[in-house]
Protein backbone atom coordinates (compact mmCIF):
# COMPACT_ATOMS: atom_id res chain seq x y z
CA MET A 1 89.46 106.08 74.79
CA ILE A 2 89.83 103.12 77.17
CA VAL A 3 93.47 103.97 77.76
CA VAL A 4 92.77 107.67 78.24
CA VAL A 5 89.98 107.35 80.81
CA PRO A 6 92.07 105.64 83.53
CA THR A 7 94.87 108.13 82.95
CA VAL A 8 92.45 111.04 83.18
CA LEU A 9 90.98 109.64 86.40
CA VAL A 10 94.39 109.16 88.00
CA VAL A 11 95.48 112.67 87.01
CA THR A 12 92.18 114.11 88.28
CA PHE A 13 92.51 112.30 91.61
CA SER A 14 96.11 113.47 91.92
CA VAL A 15 95.17 117.09 91.23
CA LEU A 16 92.45 116.88 93.87
CA GLY A 17 94.91 115.35 96.34
CA LEU A 18 93.16 112.00 96.32
CA HIS A 19 95.22 108.87 95.98
CA PRO A 20 93.62 106.14 93.82
CA ALA A 21 94.65 103.56 96.43
CA GLY A 22 92.17 105.21 98.78
CA PHE A 23 89.30 104.04 96.63
CA THR A 24 90.79 100.57 96.36
CA ALA A 25 91.23 100.41 100.13
CA ARG A 26 87.58 101.27 100.69
CA ALA A 27 86.38 98.74 98.15
CA ARG A 28 88.59 95.89 99.35
CA ALA A 29 89.14 94.42 102.76
CA TRP A 30 92.89 94.12 103.17
CA ASN A 31 93.27 90.36 103.46
CA GLN A 32 96.71 90.74 101.90
CA LEU A 33 99.42 93.29 102.41
CA PRO A 34 98.93 96.43 100.32
CA PRO A 35 101.58 97.18 97.67
CA ASN A 36 103.35 99.79 99.80
CA ILE A 37 104.08 97.29 102.59
CA ARG A 38 106.78 94.85 101.54
CA THR A 39 108.04 91.76 103.26
CA THR A 40 109.86 88.54 102.51
CA GLY A 41 108.25 85.54 100.83
CA ASP A 42 108.45 83.48 104.01
CA LEU A 43 106.66 86.12 106.12
CA ARG A 44 103.91 86.92 103.63
CA PRO A 45 101.73 83.81 104.32
CA LEU A 46 102.02 84.37 108.07
CA ILE A 47 101.03 88.03 107.76
CA ASP A 48 98.19 87.21 105.33
CA ASP A 49 96.84 84.72 107.89
CA LEU A 50 96.99 87.38 110.61
CA LEU A 51 95.18 89.83 108.34
CA ALA A 52 92.38 87.32 107.82
CA ARG A 53 91.98 87.01 111.60
CA SER A 54 92.37 90.61 112.80
CA PRO A 55 90.14 93.55 111.86
CA THR A 56 92.56 95.89 113.64
CA LEU A 57 95.49 94.73 111.52
CA ARG A 58 93.36 95.08 108.37
CA ALA A 59 92.45 98.64 109.38
CA GLN A 60 96.12 99.50 109.92
CA CYS A 61 97.02 98.14 106.48
CA ALA A 62 94.14 100.05 104.86
CA ARG A 63 95.36 103.25 106.54
CA ILE A 64 98.92 102.66 105.36
CA ALA A 65 97.69 101.71 101.86
CA ILE A 66 96.14 105.12 101.29
CA ALA A 67 99.05 107.09 102.74
CA ARG A 68 100.73 108.96 99.94
CA GLN A 69 104.46 108.48 99.51
CA THR A 70 104.67 105.94 102.33
CA TYR A 71 106.62 102.71 102.00
CA VAL A 72 107.06 100.10 104.71
CA SER A 73 109.30 97.03 104.86
CA VAL A 74 108.74 94.25 107.39
CA THR A 75 111.70 91.96 108.02
CA LEU A 76 113.04 89.58 110.61
CA ARG A 77 116.03 90.86 112.53
CA LEU A 78 118.58 88.25 113.58
CA ALA A 79 120.86 90.60 115.53
CA PRO A 80 119.79 91.79 118.99
CA LEU A 81 117.61 94.92 118.94
CA GLY A 82 118.86 96.38 122.20
CA SER A 83 118.37 95.92 125.88
CA LEU A 84 114.64 96.63 126.13
CA ALA A 85 113.42 96.60 122.53
CA ARG A 86 111.24 93.67 121.42
CA ALA A 87 110.88 95.05 117.87
CA ARG A 88 111.80 98.28 116.11
CA SER A 89 110.57 100.72 113.49
CA THR A 90 113.01 103.13 111.95
CA ALA A 91 111.40 105.98 110.03
CA ARG A 92 112.99 108.31 107.54
CA ARG A 93 111.01 111.28 106.26
CA TYR A 94 112.45 113.19 103.34
CA HIS A 95 111.91 116.83 102.38
CA THR A 96 109.83 115.61 99.42
CA GLY A 97 107.29 114.10 101.83
CA LEU A 98 108.46 110.54 101.23
CA LEU A 99 108.16 108.37 104.35
CA VAL A 100 110.13 105.12 104.50
CA VAL A 101 109.72 102.89 107.55
CA ASP A 102 111.73 99.74 108.24
CA VAL A 103 110.03 97.38 110.70
CA GLU A 104 112.26 94.75 112.30
CA ILE A 105 110.87 91.88 114.36
CA PRO A 106 112.93 89.07 115.92
CA PRO A 107 112.50 85.61 114.39
CA ALA A 108 110.58 82.83 116.15
CA SER A 109 108.74 85.32 118.33
CA GLN A 110 105.58 83.92 119.87
CA ASP A 111 104.38 87.52 120.00
CA PHE A 112 104.74 88.13 116.25
CA ALA A 113 101.12 89.30 115.78
CA GLU A 114 101.36 91.69 118.71
CA LEU A 115 104.74 93.05 117.64
CA LEU A 116 103.68 93.49 114.01
CA ALA A 117 100.53 95.41 114.99
CA HIS A 118 102.50 97.46 117.51
CA GLU A 119 105.05 98.49 114.89
CA LEU A 120 102.43 99.12 112.18
CA GLU A 121 100.66 101.42 114.65
CA HIS A 122 103.91 103.37 114.90
CA VAL A 123 103.77 103.66 111.10
CA THR A 124 100.27 105.15 111.34
CA GLU A 125 101.58 107.54 113.99
CA PHE A 126 104.30 108.66 111.57
CA ILE A 127 101.64 109.10 108.87
CA ASP A 128 99.51 111.15 111.28
CA GLY A 129 102.51 113.38 111.99
CA VAL A 130 102.66 112.62 115.71
CA ASP A 131 105.26 114.85 117.38
CA PHE A 132 106.79 112.21 119.66
CA LYS A 133 109.32 114.54 121.23
CA LYS A 134 106.73 117.16 122.16
CA LEU A 135 104.25 114.58 123.49
CA ALA A 136 106.97 112.87 125.53
CA GLN A 137 107.43 116.17 127.36
CA THR A 138 103.69 116.42 128.07
CA ARG A 139 102.52 114.60 131.18
CA GLY A 140 99.80 112.03 130.49
CA ALA A 141 100.12 112.23 126.68
CA GLY A 142 100.84 108.50 126.35
CA VAL A 143 104.33 108.92 124.86
CA VAL A 144 107.63 108.29 126.61
CA GLN A 145 111.16 108.73 125.35
CA CYS A 146 113.35 105.63 125.68
CA GLY A 147 116.91 106.70 126.30
CA SER A 148 118.63 109.56 124.53
CA GLY A 149 118.78 108.03 121.05
CA GLY A 150 115.47 109.38 119.77
CA SER A 151 113.41 106.26 120.47
CA PHE A 152 109.86 106.63 121.74
CA GLU A 153 107.13 104.34 122.98
CA THR A 154 103.41 105.07 122.82
CA GLU A 155 100.35 103.77 124.59
CA ARG A 156 98.59 103.84 121.23
CA ALA A 157 101.00 101.26 119.76
CA GLN A 158 100.88 99.12 122.89
CA THR A 159 97.09 99.06 122.77
CA ALA A 160 97.05 98.15 119.07
CA GLY A 161 99.49 95.29 119.68
CA ARG A 162 97.46 93.85 122.54
CA THR A 163 94.21 94.21 120.58
CA VAL A 164 95.57 92.23 117.63
CA LYS A 165 97.03 89.62 119.96
CA PHE A 166 93.56 89.04 121.46
CA GLU A 167 91.79 89.11 118.07
CA VAL A 168 94.15 86.47 116.66
CA ALA A 169 93.85 84.31 119.76
CA ALA A 170 90.03 84.49 119.57
CA THR A 171 89.91 83.54 115.88
CA PRO A 172 90.87 79.94 115.01
CA ASN A 173 93.14 79.31 112.01
């Protein structure tokens, strides 16, 4: 019976369209990265420290944690990102609904907290189904297209990055 009950609950939640991680996210403050956000061993302590100091970053992680079929990797990028890019998120959405986002941040960046939050906000935009191309064509929508390669920038991500930067600066280690 003990083995059956958790299985029954998971199946019931799945049938109802509820992801069990949603209940975990509500019950737990994300002071560590959720299982669907992966990073390297050397970045994990840094990110965990930022999570402890930023409610905005914790909220982003909680939002990503409950997103079904969403997987994020956060890595350092040694090669240049491009002329204007400070960091980059590359999203791939599959016909099955799977969303895979690769976040790349340059090493030794003094703006790591800001860039991480900025890029994780882009992940939440992907989860929310933001139509970047359409919004970029709408005046005052807070989205601009950067070049012709399909890159976009949003005020929402810029605001999230700045907010986390200030939260971390205001909270001692």
